[in-house]
Amino acid sequence: MSTASNRAKLVNNLMEAVNTYGLDGIDIDWEYPNSPGAGNPHSSADSANLLEFFKELRNELGSAKIISAAVTQLPWLDQKGSPLKDVSEYAKYMTFVNIMNYDVFDSSAHPGPNAPLGDFCKTSTQPQANAQAALEQWAKAGMPPSKILLGLALYGYVSKSTDKKLTGSFAPASIRPPLATGMHRRRLPDARKTPAMGDLSSMWGQQISFSQLISSGALVKNAEGNYEAHNGYTMGWDNCSDTPVCG
């Protein structure tokens, strides 16, 4: 994105892919402009360059194709490293932004909500990182609500913990990475099978999908067709974030 020639090459390559495979459009997952993320190169000009890229891509794609982007709960960072206050110019060229409202809290001895719907008790250490706040933050910055999508976390985290409820922090603030610098961890599931039904100890610290909760025996479908805890687990609900808990 850093130079006009690089952007032109990328747009040309993307157009070739769209035309070759009959794609509906292009989704950009840049984590994250003007932020180190997982150690990626970054610059204060990133967000401005991203806008130029969207303009060029829209010009080549035409009006019918999709241009979308995976984003955090806060808008992209400006030259000074603060969330952009006005993204309306981006909205002119984009079809959607897809908010990555997950991995807000990781696995830990004091686990917090992975994908909080809101901060309803006003106790979260990351009050800007939830679905409700994200929708408000992007809309306030000028992204039309009709262009805002919410990414869903179809997985959870396995924690070794004696806590009976979720907490508002997974780590002390002094070592917790800032919201916009790379909170979205990808961990491949452990290929080992659990030693006994309901035993998730081999997955401590990992992500777990809904299907794995079923295959492990932690959840079973009852006669009414709903899922309930099994093999010693109990189901609960965290009202502060609207998050299901199985422990």
C-alpha atoms as a PDB file:
ATOM      1  CA  MET A   1       0.000   0.000   0.000  1.00  0.00           C
ATOM      2  CA  SER A   2       2.937   2.339   0.583  1.00  0.00           C
ATOM      3  CA  THR A   3       3.464   3.500  -3.008  1.00  0.00           C
ATOM      4  CA  ALA A   4       1.264   4.205  -6.009  1.00  0.00           C
ATOM      5  CA  SER A   5       3.087   1.584  -8.070  1.00  0.00           C
ATOM      6  CA  ASN A   6       2.619  -1.067  -5.404  1.00  0.00           C
ATOM      7  CA  ARG A   7      -1.073  -0.278  -5.131  1.00  0.00           C
ATOM      8  CA  ALA A   8      -1.467  -0.458  -8.893  1.00  0.00           C
ATOM      9  CA  LYS A   9       0.198  -3.890  -8.976  1.00  0.00           C
ATOM     10  CA  LEU A  10      -2.033  -5.149  -6.189  1.00  0.00           C
ATOM     11  CA  VAL A  11      -5.186  -3.824  -7.841  1.00  0.00           C
ATOM     12  CA  ASN A  12      -4.181  -5.462 -11.135  1.00  0.00           C
ATOM     13  CA  ASN A  13      -3.573  -8.799  -9.421  1.00  0.00           C
ATOM     14  CA  LEU A  14      -6.875  -8.609  -7.595  1.00  0.00           C
ATOM     15  CA  MET A  15      -8.736  -7.750 -10.777  1.00  0.00           C
ATOM     16  CA  GLU A  16      -7.164 -10.755 -12.479  1.00  0.00           C
ATOM     17  CA  ALA A  17      -8.390 -12.991  -9.648  1.00  0.00           C
ATOM     18  CA  VAL A  18     -11.901 -11.476  -9.732  1.00  0.00           C
ATOM     19  CA  ASN A  19     -12.177 -11.902 -13.485  1.00  0.00           C
ATOM     20  CA  THR A  20     -10.621 -15.363 -13.601  1.00  0.00           C
ATOM     21  CA  TYR A  21     -12.747 -16.883 -10.869  1.00  0.00           C
ATOM     22  CA  GLY A  22     -15.885 -14.767 -11.144  1.00  0.00           C
ATOM     23  CA  LEU A  23     -15.551 -13.437  -7.611  1.00  0.00           C
ATOM     24  CA  ASP A  24     -18.208 -11.214  -6.034  1.00  0.00           C
ATOM     25  CA  GLY A  25     -15.568  -8.810  -4.769  1.00  0.00           C
ATOM     26  CA  ILE A  26     -12.548  -8.366  -2.515  1.00  0.00           C
ATOM     27  CA  ASP A  27     -12.233  -8.450   1.265  1.00  0.00           C
ATOM     28  CA  ILE A  28      -9.189  -6.802   2.861  1.00  0.00           C
ATOM     29  CA  ASP A  29      -7.921  -8.131   6.186  1.00  0.00           C
ATOM     30  CA  TRP A  30      -5.147  -5.728   7.180  1.00  0.00           C
ATOM     31  CA  GLU A  31      -4.275  -6.129  10.851  1.00  0.00           C
ATOM     32  CA  TYR A  32      -3.620  -3.280  11.358  1.00  0.00           C
ATOM     33  CA  PRO A  33      -2.879   0.041   9.576  1.00  0.00           C
ATOM     34  CA  ASN A  34      -0.367   2.182  11.523  1.00  0.00           C
ATOM     35  CA  SER A  35      -0.024  -0.482  14.207  1.00  0.00           C
ATOM     36  CA  PRO A  36       2.571  -3.225  14.721  1.00  0.00           C
ATOM     37  CA  GLY A  37      -0.020  -6.010  15.020  1.00  0.00           C
ATOM     38  CA  ALA A  38       1.997  -9.237  15.007  1.00  0.00           C
ATOM     39  CA  GLY A  39       5.167  -7.413  14.016  1.00  0.00           C
ATOM     40  CA  ASN A  40       4.138  -6.249  10.554  1.00  0.00           C
ATOM     41  CA  PRO A  41       5.718  -3.179   8.929  1.00  0.00           C
ATOM     42  CA  HIS A  42       3.611  -0.089   9.509  1.00  0.00           C
ATOM     43  CA  SER A  43       3.660   3.650   8.984  1.00  0.00           C
ATOM     44  CA  SER A  44       1.733   6.773   9.931  1.00  0.00           C
ATOM     45  CA  ALA A  45       0.588   6.981   6.296  1.00  0.00           C
ATOM     46  CA  ASP A  46      -1.074   3.552   6.332  1.00  0.00           C
ATOM     47  CA  SER A  47      -4.697   4.654   6.669  1.00  0.00           C
ATOM     48  CA  ALA A  48      -4.314   7.356   4.022  1.00  0.00           C
ATOM     49  CA  ASN A  49      -2.730   4.814   1.678  1.00  0.00           C
ATOM     50  CA  LEU A  50      -5.549   2.382   2.386  1.00  0.00           C
ATOM     51  CA  LEU A  51      -8.070   4.995   1.301  1.00  0.00           C
ATOM     52  CA  GLU A  52      -6.180   5.558  -1.947  1.00  0.00           C
ATOM     53  CA  PHE A  53      -6.167   1.807  -2.499  1.00  0.00           C
ATOM     54  CA  PHE A  54      -9.935   1.587  -2.010  1.00  0.00           C
ATOM     55  CA  LYS A  55     -10.430   4.398  -4.524  1.00  0.00           C
ATOM     56  CA  GLU A  56      -8.282   2.652  -7.130  1.00  0.00           C
ATOM     57  CA  LEU A  57      -9.860  -0.735  -6.496  1.00  0.00           C
ATOM     58  CA  ARG A  58     -13.393   0.663  -6.795  1.00  0.00           C
ATOM     59  CA  ASN A  59     -12.485   2.402 -10.029  1.00  0.00           C
ATOM     60  CA  GLU A  60     -11.372  -0.921 -11.522  1.00  0.00           C
ATOM     61  CA  LEU A  61     -14.050  -3.144  -9.974  1.00  0.00           C
ATOM     62  CA  GLY A  62     -16.977  -0.937 -10.884  1.00  0.00           C
ATOM     63  CA  SER A  63     -19.971  -0.268  -8.679  1.00  0.00           C
ATOM     64  CA  ALA A  64     -21.475  -3.780  -8.592  1.00  0.00           C
ATOM     65  CA  LYS A  65     -18.636  -5.657  -6.886  1.00  0.00           C
ATOM     66  CA  ILE A  66     -18.077  -5.877  -3.135  1.00  0.00           C
ATOM     67  CA  ILE A  67     -15.245  -4.119  -1.338  1.00  0.00           C
ATOM     68  CA  SER A  68     -15.168  -5.047   2.331  1.00  0.00           C
ATOM     69  CA  ALA A  69     -12.661  -5.076   5.157  1.00  0.00           C
ATOM     70  CA  ALA A  70     -12.195  -6.885   8.450  1.00  0.00           C
ATOM     71  CA  VAL A  71     -11.769  -4.245  11.163  1.00  0.00           C
ATOM     72  CA  THR A  72     -11.398  -3.914  14.923  1.00  0.00           C
ATOM     73  CA  GLN A  73     -14.046  -2.390  17.154  1.00  0.00           C
ATOM     74  CA  LEU A  74     -12.419   1.016  16.619  1.00  0.00           C
ATOM     75  CA  PRO A  75     -11.834   2.746  13.256  1.00  0.00           C
ATOM     76  CA  TRP A  76      -8.425   2.653  11.617  1.00  0.00           C
ATOM     77  CA  LEU A  77      -5.661   4.691  13.211  1.00  0.00           C
ATOM     78  CA  ASP A  78      -4.756   8.153  11.941  1.00  0.00           C
ATOM     79  CA  GLN A  79      -1.256   9.597  11.554  1.00  0.00           C
ATOM     80  CA  LYS A  80      -0.984  10.195  15.297  1.00  0.00           C
ATOM     81  CA  GLY A  81      -2.131   6.685  16.190  1.00  0.00           C
ATOM     82  CA  SER A  82      -5.648   7.620  17.294  1.00  0.00           C
ATOM     83  CA  PRO A  83      -8.848   6.143  15.803  1.00  0.00           C
ATOM     84  CA  LEU A  84     -10.066   8.107  12.795  1.00  0.00           C
ATOM     85  CA  LYS A  85     -12.950  10.408  13.673  1.00  0.00           C
ATOM     86  CA  ASP A  86     -14.277  10.506  10.118  1.00  0.00           C
ATOM     87  CA  VAL A  87     -14.372   7.461   7.837  1.00  0.00           C
ATOM     88  CA  SER A  88     -17.103   8.773   5.559  1.00  0.00           C
ATOM     89  CA  GLU A  89     -14.685   9.048   2.637  1.00  0.00           C
ATOM     90  CA  TYR A  90     -13.835   5.340   2.987  1.00  0.00           C
ATOM     91  CA  ALA A  91     -17.547   4.541   3.084  1.00  0.00           C
ATOM     92  CA  LYS A  92     -17.982   6.043  -0.400  1.00  0.00           C
ATOM     93  CA  TYR A  93     -15.921   3.240  -1.912  1.00  0.00           C
ATOM     94  CA  MET A  94     -16.726   0.362   0.436  1.00  0.00           C
ATOM     95  CA  THR A  95     -19.650  -2.039   0.586  1.00  0.00           C
ATOM     96  CA  PHE A  96     -19.107  -3.267   4.157  1.00  0.00           C
ATOM     97  CA  VAL A  97     -16.829  -3.258   7.163  1.00  0.00           C
ATOM     98  CA  ASN A  98     -16.857  -6.521   9.113  1.00  0.00           C
ATOM     99  CA  ILE A  99     -16.137  -5.942  12.811  1.00  0.00           C
ATOM    100  CA  MET A 100     -13.900  -8.578  14.390  1.00  0.00           C
ATOM    101  CA  ASN A 101     -15.602  -8.662  17.761  1.00  0.00           C
ATOM    102  CA  TYR A 102     -13.743 -11.677  19.132  1.00  0.00           C
ATOM    103  CA  ASP A 103     -10.562 -12.564  21.036  1.00  0.00           C
ATOM    104  CA  VAL A 104     -11.335  -9.649  23.329  1.00  0.00           C
ATOM    105  CA  PHE A 105     -10.236 -11.813  26.246  1.00  0.00           C
ATOM    106  CA  ASP A 106      -8.011 -14.855  25.989  1.00  0.00           C
ATOM    107  CA  SER A 107      -7.769 -18.083  27.906  1.00  0.00           C
ATOM    108  CA  SER A 108      -6.454 -17.545  31.443  1.00  0.00           C
ATOM    109  CA  ALA A 109      -6.916 -18.459  35.085  1.00  0.00           C
ATOM    110  CA  HIS A 110      -9.395 -15.578  35.261  1.00  0.00           C
ATOM    111  CA  PRO A 111     -11.090 -15.686  31.857  1.00  0.00           C
ATOM    112  CA  GLY A 112     -13.113 -12.864  30.372  1.00  0.00           C
ATOM    113  CA  PRO A 113     -15.653 -12.880  27.516  1.00  0.00           C
ATOM    114  CA  ASN A 114     -14.287 -13.844  24.118  1.00  0.00           C
ATOM    115  CA  ALA A 115     -16.881 -11.883  22.124  1.00  0.00           C
ATOM    116  CA  PRO A 116     -18.845  -9.594  24.474  1.00  0.00           C
ATOM    117  CA  LEU A 117     -22.093  -8.160  23.184  1.00  0.00           C
ATOM    118  CA  GLY A 118     -21.772  -5.160  25.503  1.00  0.00           C
ATOM    119  CA  ASP A 119     -20.358  -3.787  28.742  1.00  0.00           C
ATOM    120  CA  PHE A 120     -23.671  -3.864  30.577  1.00  0.00           C
ATOM    121  CA  CYS A 121     -22.227  -3.739  34.107  1.00  0.00           C
ATOM    122  CA  LYS A 122     -19.694  -1.022  33.199  1.00  0.00           C
ATOM    123  CA  THR A 123     -16.914  -3.185  34.659  1.00  0.00           C
ATOM    124  CA  SER A 124     -14.918  -4.200  31.575  1.00  0.00           C
ATOM    125  CA  THR A 125     -11.259  -3.215  31.379  1.00  0.00           C
ATOM    126  CA  GLN A 126     -11.835  -2.896  27.606  1.00  0.00           C
ATOM    127  CA  PRO A 127     -15.118  -0.959  27.400  1.00  0.00           C
ATOM    128  CA  GLN A 128     -14.549  -0.082  23.726  1.00  0.00           C
ATOM    129  CA  ALA A 129     -14.155  -3.740  22.751  1.00  0.00           C
ATOM    130  CA  ASN A 130     -17.649  -5.144  22.444  1.00  0.00           C
ATOM    131  CA  ALA A 131     -20.292  -5.372  19.732  1.00  0.00           C
ATOM    132  CA  GLN A 132     -22.462  -2.547  21.029  1.00  0.00           C
ATOM    133  CA  ALA A 133     -19.550  -0.127  21.408  1.00  0.00           C
ATOM    134  CA  ALA A 134     -18.100  -1.124  18.034  1.00  0.00           C
ATOM    135  CA  LEU A 135     -21.311  -0.375  16.139  1.00  0.00           C
ATOM    136  CA  GLU A 136     -21.601   2.989  17.863  1.00  0.00           C
ATOM    137  CA  GLN A 137     -17.933   3.871  17.291  1.00  0.00           C
ATOM    138  CA  TRP A 138     -17.980   3.131  13.568  1.00  0.00           C
ATOM    139  CA  ALA A 139     -21.357   4.801  13.003  1.00  0.00           C
ATOM    140  CA  LYS A 140     -20.243   7.903  14.911  1.00  0.00           C
ATOM    141  CA  ALA A 141     -17.174   8.072  12.669  1.00  0.00           C
ATOM    142  CA  GLY A 142     -19.369   8.158   9.574  1.00  0.00           C
ATOM    143  CA  MET A 143     -19.733   4.559   8.438  1.00  0.00           C
ATOM    144  CA  PRO A 144     -23.416   4.070   7.525  1.00  0.00           C
ATOM    145  CA  PRO A 145     -25.041   1.451   9.774  1.00  0.00           C
ATOM    146  CA  SER A 146     -26.210  -0.381   6.644  1.00  0.00           C
ATOM    147  CA  LYS A 147     -22.542  -0.984   5.810  1.00  0.00           C
ATOM    148  CA  ILE A 148     -21.541  -2.358   9.215  1.00  0.00           C
ATOM    149  CA  LEU A 149     -21.462  -6.135   9.717  1.00  0.00           C
ATOM    150  CA  LEU A 150     -20.632  -8.014  12.903  1.00  0.00           C
ATOM    151  CA  GLY A 151     -18.178 -10.898  12.771  1.00  0.00           C
ATOM    152  CA  LEU A 152     -19.276 -13.823  14.946  1.00  0.00           C
ATOM    153  CA  ALA A 153     -16.971 -15.977  17.052  1.00  0.00           C
ATOM    154  CA  LEU A 154     -18.136 -19.545  16.492  1.00  0.00           C
ATOM    155  CA  TYR A 155     -15.614 -20.752  19.046  1.00  0.00           C
ATOM    156  CA  GLY A 156     -14.525 -20.133  22.616  1.00  0.00           C
ATOM    157  CA  TYR A 157     -11.441 -20.583  24.779  1.00  0.00           C
ATOM    158  CA  VAL A 158     -10.558 -23.405  27.132  1.00  0.00           C
ATOM    159  CA  SER A 159      -9.263 -22.068  30.442  1.00  0.00           C
ATOM    160  CA  LYS A 160      -7.833 -23.842  33.465  1.00  0.00           C
ATOM    161  CA  SER A 161      -9.669 -21.878  36.124  1.00  0.00           C
ATOM    162  CA  THR A 162     -11.619 -22.234  39.348  1.00  0.00           C
ATOM    163  CA  ASP A 163     -13.584 -19.023  38.711  1.00  0.00           C
ATOM    164  CA  LYS A 164     -17.358 -19.320  38.756  1.00  0.00           C
ATOM    165  CA  LYS A 165     -17.935 -16.264  36.563  1.00  0.00           C
ATOM    166  CA  LEU A 166     -16.201 -14.263  33.867  1.00  0.00           C
ATOM    167  CA  THR A 167     -13.958 -11.410  34.816  1.00  0.00           C
ATOM    168  CA  GLY A 168     -13.284  -8.078  33.122  1.00  0.00           C
ATOM    169  CA  SER A 169      -9.622  -8.743  32.440  1.00  0.00           C
ATOM    170  CA  PHE A 170      -7.455 -11.628  31.305  1.00  0.00           C
ATOM    171  CA  ALA A 171      -4.167  -9.943  32.180  1.00  0.00           C
ATOM    172  CA  PRO A 172      -2.882  -6.957  34.166  1.00  0.00           C
ATOM    173  CA  ALA A 173      -3.225  -3.712  32.217  1.00  0.00           C
ATOM    174  CA  SER A 174       0.555  -3.278  32.303  1.00  0.00           C
ATOM    175  CA  ILE A 175       1.076  -6.278  30.007  1.00  0.00           C
ATOM    176  CA  ARG A 176      -2.204  -6.339  28.056  1.00  0.00           C
ATOM    177  CA  PRO A 177      -1.748  -5.240  24.427  1.00  0.00           C
ATOM    178  CA  PRO A 178      -3.765  -2.169  23.350  1.00  0.00           C
ATOM    179  CA  LEU A 179      -7.046  -2.832  21.587  1.00  0.00           C
ATOM    180  CA  ALA A 180      -5.969  -1.726  18.118  1.00  0.00           C
ATOM    181  CA  THR A 181      -2.548  -3.387  18.029  1.00  0.00           C
ATOM    182  CA  GLY A 182      -3.416  -7.000  17.407  1.00  0.00           C
ATOM    183  CA  MET A 183      -5.856  -8.723  19.725  1.00  0.00           C
ATOM    184  CA  HIS A 184      -6.978 -11.374  17.260  1.00  0.00           C
ATOM    185  CA  ARG A 185      -5.029 -14.525  17.965  1.00  0.00           C
ATOM    186  CA  ARG A 186      -5.139 -17.541  15.675  1.00  0.00           C
ATOM    187  CA  ARG A 187      -4.357 -20.891  17.258  1.00  0.00           C
ATOM    188  CA  LEU A 188      -4.612 -24.165  15.444  1.00  0.00           C
ATOM    189  CA  PRO A 189      -6.679 -26.690  17.391  1.00  0.00           C
ATOM    190  CA  ASP A 190      -4.754 -29.472  19.071  1.00  0.00           C
ATOM    191  CA  ALA A 191      -4.996 -32.614  16.953  1.00  0.00           C
ATOM    192  CA  ARG A 192      -4.755 -34.911  19.986  1.00  0.00           C
ATOM    193  CA  LYS A 193      -7.961 -36.577  21.097  1.00  0.00           C
ATOM    194  CA  THR A 194      -9.123 -36.004  24.648  1.00  0.00           C
ATOM    195  CA  PRO A 195      -8.369 -38.972  26.932  1.00  0.00           C
ATOM    196  CA  ALA A 196     -11.968 -39.279  28.185  1.00  0.00           C
ATOM    197  CA  MET A 197     -15.362 -37.836  27.357  1.00  0.00           C
ATOM    198  CA  GLY A 198     -15.614 -34.343  28.787  1.00  0.00           C
ATOM    199  CA  ASP A 199     -11.888 -34.029  29.525  1.00  0.00           C
ATOM    200  CA  LEU A 200     -10.656 -30.841  27.836  1.00  0.00           C
ATOM    201  CA  SER A 201      -7.345 -30.632  29.718  1.00  0.00           C
ATOM    202  CA  SER A 202      -5.346 -31.219  26.529  1.00  0.00           C
ATOM    203  CA  MET A 203      -6.880 -28.018  25.122  1.00  0.00           C
ATOM    204  CA  TRP A 204      -6.117 -25.616  27.970  1.00  0.00           C
ATOM    205  CA  GLY A 205      -5.158 -22.267  26.486  1.00  0.00           C
ATOM    206  CA  GLN A 206      -6.554 -23.074  23.043  1.00  0.00           C
ATOM    207  CA  GLN A 207      -9.544 -22.095  20.979  1.00  0.00           C
ATOM    208  CA  ILE A 208     -12.381 -24.619  20.854  1.00  0.00           C
ATOM    209  CA  SER A 209     -15.185 -24.764  18.292  1.00  0.00           C
ATOM    210  CA  PHE A 210     -18.818 -25.539  19.071  1.00  0.00           C
ATOM    211  CA  SER A 211     -18.485 -28.873  17.256  1.00  0.00           C
ATOM    212  CA  GLN A 212     -15.551 -29.794  19.503  1.00  0.00           C
ATOM    213  CA  LEU A 213     -17.641 -29.092  22.599  1.00  0.00           C
ATOM    214  CA  ILE A 214     -20.106 -31.638  21.265  1.00  0.00           C
ATOM    215  CA  SER A 215     -17.563 -34.238  20.141  1.00  0.00           C
ATOM    216  CA  SER A 216     -15.753 -33.992  23.485  1.00  0.00           C
ATOM    217  CA  GLY A 217     -18.953 -34.663  25.400  1.00  0.00           C
ATOM    218  CA  ALA A 218     -19.065 -31.307  27.165  1.00  0.00           C
ATOM    219  CA  LEU A 219     -22.371 -30.547  25.423  1.00  0.00           C
ATOM    220  CA  VAL A 220     -25.158 -32.920  24.379  1.00  0.00           C
ATOM    221  CA  LYS A 221     -28.470 -32.365  22.608  1.00  0.00           C
ATOM    222  CA  ASN A 222     -31.499 -33.065  24.768  1.00  0.00           C
ATOM    223  CA  ALA A 223     -34.923 -34.368  23.756  1.00  0.00           C
ATOM    224  CA  GLU A 224     -36.163 -30.852  23.022  1.00  0.00           C
ATOM    225  CA  GLY A 225     -33.332 -30.318  20.539  1.00  0.00           C
ATOM    226  CA  ASN A 226     -31.398 -27.898  22.742  1.00  0.00           C
ATOM    227  CA  TYR A 227     -27.844 -28.339  23.938  1.00  0.00           C
ATOM    228  CA  GLU A 228     -27.035 -28.775  27.612  1.00  0.00           C
ATOM    229  CA  ALA A 229     -23.891 -29.407  29.640  1.00  0.00           C
ATOM    230  CA  HIS A 230     -22.825 -33.011  30.219  1.00  0.00           C
ATOM    231  CA  ASN A 231     -20.058 -35.100  31.800  1.00  0.00           C
ATOM    232  CA  GLY A 232     -19.764 -32.924  34.881  1.00  0.00           C
ATOM    233  CA  TYR A 233     -20.038 -29.542  33.171  1.00  0.00           C
ATOM    234  CA  THR A 234     -22.573 -26.855  34.006  1.00  0.00           C
ATOM    235  CA  MET A 235     -23.871 -24.071  31.797  1.00  0.00           C
ATOM    236  CA  GLY A 236     -24.050 -20.459  32.889  1.00  0.00           C
ATOM    237  CA  TRP A 237     -24.592 -16.973  31.523  1.00  0.00           C
ATOM    238  CA  ASP A 238     -22.581 -13.795  32.052  1.00  0.00           C
ATOM    239  CA  ASN A 239     -25.108 -10.946  32.173  1.00  0.00           C
ATOM    240  CA  CYS A 240     -22.409  -8.276  32.049  1.00  0.00           C
ATOM    241  CA  SER A 241     -21.379  -9.257  28.513  1.00  0.00           C
ATOM    242  CA  ASP A 242     -24.226 -11.534  27.355  1.00  0.00           C
ATOM    243  CA  THR A 243     -21.871 -14.487  27.049  1.00  0.00           C
ATOM    244  CA  PRO A 244     -22.590 -18.211  27.578  1.00  0.00           C
ATOM    245  CA  VAL A 245     -20.228 -20.075  29.900  1.00  0.00           C
ATOM    246  CA  CYS A 246     -19.623 -23.793  30.267  1.00  0.00           C
ATOM    247  CA  GLY A 247     -17.540 -24.901  33.240  1.00  0.00           C
END
